[in-house]
């Protein structure tokens, strides 16, 4: 449960929430509703909220399966992240997740500072250090990273347009408490969209999942995602700050094409 979910949410790289300030005196709130489908069948919903005040950000995300999918696994996830944005750099301070289904509930809390992991707490306890199949997680692999929810924050450099190549081109280093991986985004083009709360251009990016450490190289799901070239993200520009917000994500999974798309995307100063 934890492995595929964390990879998928980070890969969407913000399909579910994002905010980052361009200046210390500016602020923004964001609310988004997303629908999740698999091979065209609705399977879940996600509600995201983010707030940016001066140089601090907070992001919250709640996801649950619906319909037949809920009858099978009843998966629910709640994620929260907070930190600072200084001189164009994301600096997470805290990250927490609760994931539950009909069989179990797992929680994770992670403390960070200056781009490095300081402490991770798991419940129930988790220790996979003796598993020889996994690529070892070193201290170096826990530095210069951000958590999966902070990975949804995509500021655009000063002087660059929030619609176009600068919205996409980046490589995001992520540590989810279990594995270390990168999400690489590359510019594809621009489309026009219309949804409740937003109408206008979005930037289309291709996405790649790059495993670094903590994963099992022989795992079929990991191999599939690492070789997956059928992933894209559509990013909408926020009106008041220099940031982009994922509007739609499409990715091929081992069960078929999954799509996460906003039915509502609203900003308020």
C-alpha atoms as a PDB file:
ATOM      1  CA  UNK A   1       0.000   0.000   0.000  1.00  0.00           C
ATOM      2  CA  UNK A   2       2.598   2.526   1.061  1.00  0.00           C
ATOM      3  CA  UNK A   3       5.006   1.958  -1.850  1.00  0.00           C
ATOM      4  CA  UNK A   4       2.709   2.393  -4.836  1.00  0.00           C
ATOM      5  CA  UNK A   5       0.706   5.182  -3.217  1.00  0.00           C
ATOM      6  CA  UNK A   6       3.714   7.330  -2.330  1.00  0.00           C
ATOM      7  CA  UNK A   7       5.274   6.875  -5.775  1.00  0.00           C
ATOM      8  CA  UNK A   8       2.020   7.687  -7.547  1.00  0.00           C
ATOM      9  CA  UNK A   9       1.263  10.842  -5.554  1.00  0.00           C
ATOM     10  CA  UNK A  10       4.761  12.175  -5.983  1.00  0.00           C
ATOM     11  CA  UNK A  11       4.733  11.345  -9.680  1.00  0.00           C
ATOM     12  CA  UNK A  12       1.661  13.430 -10.200  1.00  0.00           C
ATOM     13  CA  UNK A  13       3.922  16.095  -8.761  1.00  0.00           C
ATOM     14  CA  UNK A  14       1.154  18.255  -7.613  1.00  0.00           C
ATOM     15  CA  UNK A  15      -1.947  16.915  -9.181  1.00  0.00           C
ATOM     16  CA  UNK A  16      -3.475  17.453  -5.818  1.00  0.00           C
ATOM     17  CA  UNK A  17      -2.143  20.687  -4.273  1.00  0.00           C
ATOM     18  CA  UNK A  18       0.606  23.276  -4.418  1.00  0.00           C
ATOM     19  CA  UNK A  19       1.593  26.723  -3.273  1.00  0.00           C
ATOM     20  CA  UNK A  20       4.791  28.754  -2.996  1.00  0.00           C
ATOM     21  CA  UNK A  21       5.313  32.480  -2.439  1.00  0.00           C
ATOM     22  CA  UNK A  22       7.145  34.782  -4.773  1.00  0.00           C
ATOM     23  CA  UNK A  23       7.673  37.464  -2.164  1.00  0.00           C
ATOM     24  CA  UNK A  24       7.565  37.774   1.598  1.00  0.00           C
ATOM     25  CA  UNK A  25       4.604  40.194   1.601  1.00  0.00           C
ATOM     26  CA  UNK A  26       2.350  38.098  -0.651  1.00  0.00           C
ATOM     27  CA  UNK A  27      -0.065  35.342   0.253  1.00  0.00           C
ATOM     28  CA  UNK A  28      -2.390  32.882  -1.441  1.00  0.00           C
ATOM     29  CA  UNK A  29      -4.921  30.195  -0.553  1.00  0.00           C
ATOM     30  CA  UNK A  30      -5.813  27.312  -2.847  1.00  0.00           C
ATOM     31  CA  UNK A  31      -8.606  24.747  -2.837  1.00  0.00           C
ATOM     32  CA  UNK A  32      -9.003  21.897  -5.313  1.00  0.00           C
ATOM     33  CA  UNK A  33     -11.266  18.912  -5.857  1.00  0.00           C
ATOM     34  CA  UNK A  34      -9.919  16.078  -7.986  1.00  0.00           C
ATOM     35  CA  UNK A  35     -11.547  13.026  -9.527  1.00  0.00           C
ATOM     36  CA  UNK A  36      -9.544   9.827  -9.912  1.00  0.00           C
ATOM     37  CA  UNK A  37     -10.342   7.273 -12.600  1.00  0.00           C
ATOM     38  CA  UNK A  38      -8.808   4.033 -13.858  1.00  0.00           C
ATOM     39  CA  UNK A  39      -9.431   2.921 -17.458  1.00  0.00           C
ATOM     40  CA  UNK A  40     -12.245   5.460 -17.534  1.00  0.00           C
ATOM     41  CA  UNK A  41     -13.999   4.168 -14.395  1.00  0.00           C
ATOM     42  CA  UNK A  42     -14.270   6.556 -11.387  1.00  0.00           C
ATOM     43  CA  UNK A  43     -12.418   5.051  -8.430  1.00  0.00           C
ATOM     44  CA  UNK A  44     -11.678   7.932  -6.037  1.00  0.00           C
ATOM     45  CA  UNK A  45     -11.674  11.575  -5.047  1.00  0.00           C
ATOM     46  CA  UNK A  46      -9.087  13.898  -3.549  1.00  0.00           C
ATOM     47  CA  UNK A  47      -9.462  17.222  -1.750  1.00  0.00           C
ATOM     48  CA  UNK A  48      -6.448  19.504  -1.486  1.00  0.00           C
ATOM     49  CA  UNK A  49      -5.872  22.804   0.263  1.00  0.00           C
ATOM     50  CA  UNK A  50      -2.810  24.975   0.513  1.00  0.00           C
ATOM     51  CA  UNK A  51      -2.000  28.275   2.131  1.00  0.00           C
ATOM     52  CA  UNK A  52       0.991  30.540   1.756  1.00  0.00           C
ATOM     53  CA  UNK A  53       1.561  33.415   4.154  1.00  0.00           C
ATOM     54  CA  UNK A  54       4.712  35.461   3.813  1.00  0.00           C
ATOM     55  CA  UNK A  55       7.510  32.863   3.597  1.00  0.00           C
ATOM     56  CA  UNK A  56       5.660  29.882   5.060  1.00  0.00           C
ATOM     57  CA  UNK A  57       3.541  27.254   3.330  1.00  0.00           C
ATOM     58  CA  UNK A  58       1.138  24.511   4.441  1.00  0.00           C
ATOM     59  CA  UNK A  59      -0.381  21.825   2.233  1.00  0.00           C
ATOM     60  CA  UNK A  60      -3.022  19.228   3.143  1.00  0.00           C
ATOM     61  CA  UNK A  61      -4.383  16.390   1.053  1.00  0.00           C
ATOM     62  CA  UNK A  62      -7.136  13.832   1.690  1.00  0.00           C
ATOM     63  CA  UNK A  63      -7.714  10.921  -0.691  1.00  0.00           C
ATOM     64  CA  UNK A  64     -10.287   8.133  -0.610  1.00  0.00           C
ATOM     65  CA  UNK A  65     -11.467   5.436  -2.951  1.00  0.00           C
ATOM     66  CA  UNK A  66     -15.105   5.385  -4.003  1.00  0.00           C
ATOM     67  CA  UNK A  67     -17.606   3.015  -5.600  1.00  0.00           C
ATOM     68  CA  UNK A  68     -16.483  -0.521  -6.384  1.00  0.00           C
ATOM     69  CA  UNK A  69     -12.847   0.387  -5.603  1.00  0.00           C
ATOM     70  CA  UNK A  70     -13.840   1.302  -2.030  1.00  0.00           C
ATOM     71  CA  UNK A  71     -15.572  -2.044  -1.621  1.00  0.00           C
ATOM     72  CA  UNK A  72     -12.339  -3.812  -2.568  1.00  0.00           C
ATOM     73  CA  UNK A  73      -9.782  -1.947  -0.458  1.00  0.00           C
ATOM     74  CA  UNK A  74     -11.421   1.010   1.342  1.00  0.00           C
ATOM     75  CA  UNK A  75      -8.131   2.900   1.076  1.00  0.00           C
ATOM     76  CA  UNK A  76      -7.978   6.356   2.666  1.00  0.00           C
ATOM     77  CA  UNK A  77      -4.968   8.645   2.917  1.00  0.00           C
ATOM     78  CA  UNK A  78      -4.384  11.925   4.726  1.00  0.00           C
ATOM     79  CA  UNK A  79      -1.165  13.878   4.142  1.00  0.00           C
ATOM     80  CA  UNK A  80       0.117  17.169   5.516  1.00  0.00           C
ATOM     81  CA  UNK A  81       3.311  19.144   4.957  1.00  0.00           C
ATOM     82  CA  UNK A  82       4.658  22.512   6.013  1.00  0.00           C
ATOM     83  CA  UNK A  83       7.865  24.497   5.696  1.00  0.00           C
ATOM     84  CA  UNK A  84       9.531  27.644   4.416  1.00  0.00           C
ATOM     85  CA  UNK A  85      10.220  29.137   1.026  1.00  0.00           C
ATOM     86  CA  UNK A  86      13.369  31.258   1.023  1.00  0.00           C
ATOM     87  CA  UNK A  87      15.211  32.759  -1.954  1.00  0.00           C
ATOM     88  CA  UNK A  88      13.442  30.510  -4.452  1.00  0.00           C
ATOM     89  CA  UNK A  89      14.107  27.266  -2.545  1.00  0.00           C
ATOM     90  CA  UNK A  90      11.670  24.899  -0.827  1.00  0.00           C
ATOM     91  CA  UNK A  91      12.632  23.975   2.736  1.00  0.00           C
ATOM     92  CA  UNK A  92      10.202  21.440   4.299  1.00  0.00           C
ATOM     93  CA  UNK A  93      10.006  21.226   8.085  1.00  0.00           C
ATOM     94  CA  UNK A  94       7.393  18.564   8.745  1.00  0.00           C
ATOM     95  CA  UNK A  95       5.561  15.836   6.850  1.00  0.00           C
ATOM     96  CA  UNK A  96       2.955  13.349   8.082  1.00  0.00           C
ATOM     97  CA  UNK A  97       0.802  10.648   6.499  1.00  0.00           C
ATOM     98  CA  UNK A  98      -1.957   8.342   7.673  1.00  0.00           C
ATOM     99  CA  UNK A  99      -2.931   5.519   5.318  1.00  0.00           C
ATOM    100  CA  UNK A 100      -5.628   3.014   6.214  1.00  0.00           C
ATOM    101  CA  UNK A 101      -7.771   0.288   4.728  1.00  0.00           C
ATOM    102  CA  UNK A 102     -10.012  -2.411   6.169  1.00  0.00           C
ATOM    103  CA  UNK A 103      -6.982  -4.362   7.436  1.00  0.00           C
ATOM    104  CA  UNK A 104      -4.510  -1.847   8.840  1.00  0.00           C
ATOM    105  CA  UNK A 105      -3.573   1.753   9.562  1.00  0.00           C
ATOM    106  CA  UNK A 106      -0.064   3.078   9.048  1.00  0.00           C
ATOM    107  CA  UNK A 107       1.308   6.448  10.107  1.00  0.00           C
ATOM    108  CA  UNK A 108       4.550   8.210   9.291  1.00  0.00           C
ATOM    109  CA  UNK A 109       5.967  11.437  10.680  1.00  0.00           C
ATOM    110  CA  UNK A 110       9.114  13.029   9.300  1.00  0.00           C
ATOM    111  CA  UNK A 111      11.075  16.037  10.546  1.00  0.00           C
ATOM    112  CA  UNK A 112      13.402  17.927   8.198  1.00  0.00           C
ATOM    113  CA  UNK A 113      15.594  20.999   8.161  1.00  0.00           C
ATOM    114  CA  UNK A 114      17.846  22.552   5.539  1.00  0.00           C
ATOM    115  CA  UNK A 115      16.804  19.911   3.014  1.00  0.00           C
ATOM    116  CA  UNK A 116      17.859  16.961   5.180  1.00  0.00           C
ATOM    117  CA  UNK A 117      15.868  14.340   7.088  1.00  0.00           C
ATOM    118  CA  UNK A 118      16.390  14.620  10.838  1.00  0.00           C
ATOM    119  CA  UNK A 119      13.954  12.020  12.145  1.00  0.00           C
ATOM    120  CA  UNK A 120      11.376   9.534  10.853  1.00  0.00           C
ATOM    121  CA  UNK A 121       8.795   7.814  13.057  1.00  0.00           C
ATOM    122  CA  UNK A 122       6.715   4.847  11.876  1.00  0.00           C
ATOM    123  CA  UNK A 123       3.658   3.209  13.407  1.00  0.00           C
ATOM    124  CA  UNK A 124       3.629   0.247  13.424  1.00  0.00           C
ATOM    125  CA  UNK A 125       7.448   0.122  13.543  1.00  0.00           C
ATOM    126  CA  UNK A 126       9.145  -0.458  10.205  1.00  0.00           C
ATOM    127  CA  UNK A 127      12.703  -1.656   9.700  1.00  0.00           C
ATOM    128  CA  UNK A 128      13.740  -3.059   6.345  1.00  0.00           C
ATOM    129  CA  UNK A 129      17.479  -2.550   6.791  1.00  0.00           C
ATOM    130  CA  UNK A 130      18.092  -6.299   6.792  1.00  0.00           C
ATOM    131  CA  UNK A 131      16.415  -6.852   3.435  1.00  0.00           C
ATOM    132  CA  UNK A 132      19.304  -7.510   1.032  1.00  0.00           C
ATOM    133  CA  UNK A 133      17.107  -6.919  -2.026  1.00  0.00           C
ATOM    134  CA  UNK A 134      16.666  -3.227  -1.337  1.00  0.00           C
ATOM    135  CA  UNK A 135      19.097  -0.590  -2.564  1.00  0.00           C
ATOM    136  CA  UNK A 136      20.516   0.778   0.725  1.00  0.00           C
ATOM    137  CA  UNK A 137      19.270   4.126   1.990  1.00  0.00           C
ATOM    138  CA  UNK A 138      22.341   6.127   2.975  1.00  0.00           C
ATOM    139  CA  UNK A 139      22.568   9.411   4.827  1.00  0.00           C
ATOM    140  CA  UNK A 140      23.516  11.055   1.529  1.00  0.00           C
ATOM    141  CA  UNK A 141      20.247   9.861  -0.027  1.00  0.00           C
ATOM    142  CA  UNK A 142      18.348  11.679   2.747  1.00  0.00           C
ATOM    143  CA  UNK A 143      19.934  15.067   2.037  1.00  0.00           C
ATOM    144  CA  UNK A 144      18.918  17.707  -0.511  1.00  0.00           C
ATOM    145  CA  UNK A 145      15.414  16.248  -0.725  1.00  0.00           C
ATOM    146  CA  UNK A 146      11.811  17.265  -0.230  1.00  0.00           C
ATOM    147  CA  UNK A 147       8.852  15.206   0.954  1.00  0.00           C
ATOM    148  CA  UNK A 148       6.171  14.012  -1.500  1.00  0.00           C
ATOM    149  CA  UNK A 149       3.620  16.672  -0.571  1.00  0.00           C
ATOM    150  CA  UNK A 150       6.165  19.490  -0.777  1.00  0.00           C
ATOM    151  CA  UNK A 151       7.060  18.052  -4.176  1.00  0.00           C
ATOM    152  CA  UNK A 152       3.715  19.446  -5.308  1.00  0.00           C
ATOM    153  CA  UNK A 153       5.112  22.949  -4.848  1.00  0.00           C
ATOM    154  CA  UNK A 154       6.385  24.250  -8.175  1.00  0.00           C
ATOM    155  CA  UNK A 155       7.614  27.850  -8.143  1.00  0.00           C
ATOM    156  CA  UNK A 156       8.596  29.345 -11.491  1.00  0.00           C
ATOM    157  CA  UNK A 157      11.873  31.337 -11.693  1.00  0.00           C
ATOM    158  CA  UNK A 158      11.723  35.124 -11.734  1.00  0.00           C
ATOM    159  CA  UNK A 159      11.653  36.527 -15.245  1.00  0.00           C
ATOM    160  CA  UNK A 160      10.196  33.346 -16.757  1.00  0.00           C
ATOM    161  CA  UNK A 161       6.612  32.865 -17.922  1.00  0.00           C
ATOM    162  CA  UNK A 162       4.367  30.676 -15.774  1.00  0.00           C
ATOM    163  CA  UNK A 163       3.056  29.151 -19.027  1.00  0.00           C
ATOM    164  CA  UNK A 164       5.710  27.416 -21.108  1.00  0.00           C
ATOM    165  CA  UNK A 165       9.001  25.527 -20.636  1.00  0.00           C
ATOM    166  CA  UNK A 166       9.900  27.128 -17.291  1.00  0.00           C
ATOM    167  CA  UNK A 167       6.758  25.648 -15.756  1.00  0.00           C
ATOM    168  CA  UNK A 168       7.932  22.118 -16.552  1.00  0.00           C
ATOM    169  CA  UNK A 169      11.650  21.682 -16.838  1.00  0.00           C
ATOM    170  CA  UNK A 170      12.859  20.424 -13.463  1.00  0.00           C
ATOM    171  CA  UNK A 171      13.964  17.308 -11.581  1.00  0.00           C
ATOM    172  CA  UNK A 172      12.412  16.918  -8.142  1.00  0.00           C
ATOM    173  CA  UNK A 173      14.329  14.868  -5.495  1.00  0.00           C
ATOM    174  CA  UNK A 174      11.853  13.109  -3.190  1.00  0.00           C
ATOM    175  CA  UNK A 175      12.139  11.020  -0.021  1.00  0.00           C
ATOM    176  CA  UNK A 176       8.869   9.545   1.255  1.00  0.00           C
ATOM    177  CA  UNK A 177      10.213   7.923   4.423  1.00  0.00           C
ATOM    178  CA  UNK A 178      10.704   4.574   2.676  1.00  0.00           C
ATOM    179  CA  UNK A 179      12.292   5.251  -0.706  1.00  0.00           C
ATOM    180  CA  UNK A 180      14.339   7.940  -2.426  1.00  0.00           C
ATOM    181  CA  UNK A 181      13.457   8.807  -6.034  1.00  0.00           C
ATOM    182  CA  UNK A 182      13.385  11.661  -8.537  1.00  0.00           C
ATOM    183  CA  UNK A 183      10.504  12.955 -10.627  1.00  0.00           C
ATOM    184  CA  UNK A 184      11.759  14.460 -13.908  1.00  0.00           C
ATOM    185  CA  UNK A 185       9.467  16.845 -15.814  1.00  0.00           C
ATOM    186  CA  UNK A 186      10.012  18.058 -19.392  1.00  0.00           C
ATOM    187  CA  UNK A 187       8.094  20.551 -21.500  1.00  0.00           C
ATOM    188  CA  UNK A 188       5.695  19.218 -24.158  1.00  0.00           C
ATOM    189  CA  UNK A 189       3.340  22.071 -25.094  1.00  0.00           C
ATOM    190  CA  UNK A 190       0.394  24.291 -24.086  1.00  0.00           C
ATOM    191  CA  UNK A 191      -3.353  23.549 -24.025  1.00  0.00           C
ATOM    192  CA  UNK A 192      -6.501  25.527 -23.166  1.00  0.00           C
ATOM    193  CA  UNK A 193      -8.793  24.140 -20.455  1.00  0.00           C
ATOM    194  CA  UNK A 194     -11.897  25.168 -18.528  1.00  0.00           C
ATOM    195  CA  UNK A 195     -13.000  23.942 -15.104  1.00  0.00           C
ATOM    196  CA  UNK A 196     -14.834  25.403 -12.134  1.00  0.00           C
ATOM    197  CA  UNK A 197     -12.647  28.227 -10.808  1.00  0.00           C
ATOM    198  CA  UNK A 198     -10.149  28.347 -13.672  1.00  0.00           C
ATOM    199  CA  UNK A 199     -10.253  28.865 -17.413  1.00  0.00           C
ATOM    200  CA  UNK A 200      -7.148  29.425 -19.512  1.00  0.00           C
ATOM    201  CA  UNK A 201      -3.842  27.906 -20.616  1.00  0.00           C
ATOM    202  CA  UNK A 202      -2.057  24.982 -19.004  1.00  0.00           C
ATOM    203  CA  UNK A 203       1.448  23.733 -19.656  1.00  0.00           C
ATOM    204  CA  UNK A 204       1.762  20.061 -20.579  1.00  0.00           C
ATOM    205  CA  UNK A 205       4.800  18.207 -19.195  1.00  0.00           C
ATOM    206  CA  UNK A 206       6.004  14.659 -19.623  1.00  0.00           C
ATOM    207  CA  UNK A 207       6.996  12.903 -16.369  1.00  0.00           C
ATOM    208  CA  UNK A 208       9.455  10.145 -15.500  1.00  0.00           C
ATOM    209  CA  UNK A 209       9.944   8.193 -12.278  1.00  0.00           C
ATOM    210  CA  UNK A 210      13.613   7.562 -11.420  1.00  0.00           C
ATOM    211  CA  UNK A 211      14.287   5.225  -8.438  1.00  0.00           C
ATOM    212  CA  UNK A 212      17.385   6.081  -6.412  1.00  0.00           C
ATOM    213  CA  UNK A 213      17.418   4.074  -3.146  1.00  0.00           C
ATOM    214  CA  UNK A 214      15.233   2.086  -0.764  1.00  0.00           C
ATOM    215  CA  UNK A 215      13.514   0.183  -3.580  1.00  0.00           C
ATOM    216  CA  UNK A 216      13.801  -3.427  -4.741  1.00  0.00           C
ATOM    217  CA  UNK A 217      15.239  -3.469  -8.291  1.00  0.00           C
ATOM    218  CA  UNK A 218      13.518  -6.814  -8.918  1.00  0.00           C
ATOM    219  CA  UNK A 219      10.089  -5.494  -7.958  1.00  0.00           C
ATOM    220  CA  UNK A 220       7.802  -5.579 -11.017  1.00  0.00           C
ATOM    221  CA  UNK A 221       5.930  -2.400 -10.071  1.00  0.00           C
ATOM    222  CA  UNK A 222       9.201  -0.502  -9.611  1.00  0.00           C
ATOM    223  CA  UNK A 223      10.519  -1.767 -12.942  1.00  0.00           C
ATOM    224  CA  UNK A 224       7.264  -0.835 -14.655  1.00  0.00           C
ATOM    225  CA  UNK A 225       7.250   2.719 -13.287  1.00  0.00           C
ATOM    226  CA  UNK A 226      10.952   3.259 -14.040  1.00  0.00           C
ATOM    227  CA  UNK A 227      10.366   2.275 -17.672  1.00  0.00           C
ATOM    228  CA  UNK A 228       7.028   4.066 -17.954  1.00  0.00           C
ATOM    229  CA  UNK A 229       7.030   6.738 -20.669  1.00  0.00           C
ATOM    230  CA  UNK A 230       3.281   7.202 -20.695  1.00  0.00           C
ATOM    231  CA  UNK A 231       2.919   9.893 -18.010  1.00  0.00           C
ATOM    232  CA  UNK A 232       2.024  13.555 -18.363  1.00  0.00           C
ATOM    233  CA  UNK A 233       1.050  16.472 -16.123  1.00  0.00           C
ATOM    234  CA  UNK A 234      -0.889  19.618 -17.033  1.00  0.00           C
ATOM    235  CA  UNK A 235       0.088  22.653 -14.943  1.00  0.00           C
ATOM    236  CA  UNK A 236      -2.119  25.714 -14.472  1.00  0.00           C
ATOM    237  CA  UNK A 237      -0.598  29.087 -13.462  1.00  0.00           C
ATOM    238  CA  UNK A 238      -1.702  30.605 -10.158  1.00  0.00           C
ATOM    239  CA  UNK A 239      -3.035  34.162 -10.594  1.00  0.00           C
ATOM    240  CA  UNK A 240      -1.224  35.963  -7.756  1.00  0.00           C
ATOM    241  CA  UNK A 241       2.080  34.154  -7.255  1.00  0.00           C
ATOM    242  CA  UNK A 242       4.821  32.775  -9.499  1.00  0.00           C
ATOM    243  CA  UNK A 243       3.804  29.135  -9.240  1.00  0.00           C
ATOM    244  CA  UNK A 244       2.066  26.445 -11.250  1.00  0.00           C
ATOM    245  CA  UNK A 245      -0.626  24.064 -10.027  1.00  0.00           C
ATOM    246  CA  UNK A 246      -1.207  20.621 -11.541  1.00  0.00           C
ATOM    247  CA  UNK A 247      -4.638  20.457 -13.139  1.00  0.00           C
ATOM    248  CA  UNK A 248      -4.492  16.983 -14.693  1.00  0.00           C
ATOM    249  CA  UNK A 249      -2.263  13.920 -14.476  1.00  0.00           C
ATOM    250  CA  UNK A 250      -2.409  10.862 -16.689  1.00  0.00           C
ATOM    251  CA  UNK A 251      -0.199   7.831 -16.150  1.00  0.00           C
ATOM    252  CA  UNK A 252      -0.143   4.252 -17.316  1.00  0.00           C
ATOM    253  CA  UNK A 253      -0.268   1.744 -14.460  1.00  0.00           C
ATOM    254  CA  UNK A 254      -0.030  -2.028 -14.472  1.00  0.00           C
ATOM    255  CA  UNK A 255      -3.845  -2.057 -14.357  1.00  0.00           C
ATOM    256  CA  UNK A 256      -4.390   0.500 -17.133  1.00  0.00           C
ATOM    257  CA  UNK A 257      -4.429   4.279 -17.565  1.00  0.00           C
ATOM    258  CA  UNK A 258      -5.103   6.308 -14.411  1.00  0.00           C
ATOM    259  CA  UNK A 259      -6.253   9.933 -14.631  1.00  0.00           C
ATOM    260  CA  UNK A 260      -6.425  12.523 -11.863  1.00  0.00           C
ATOM    261  CA  UNK A 261      -8.212  15.679 -12.999  1.00  0.00           C
ATOM    262  CA  UNK A 262      -9.505  18.775 -11.228  1.00  0.00           C
ATOM    263  CA  UNK A 263     -13.230  19.342 -11.215  1.00  0.00           C
ATOM    264  CA  UNK A 264     -12.636  22.530  -9.218  1.00  0.00           C
ATOM    265  CA  UNK A 265      -9.531  24.673  -8.811  1.00  0.00           C
ATOM    266  CA  UNK A 266      -9.817  27.972  -6.945  1.00  0.00           C
ATOM    267  CA  UNK A 267      -7.407  30.590  -5.608  1.00  0.00           C
ATOM    268  CA  UNK A 268      -7.990  33.443  -3.187  1.00  0.00           C
ATOM    269  CA  UNK A 269      -5.551  36.107  -1.958  1.00  0.00           C
END
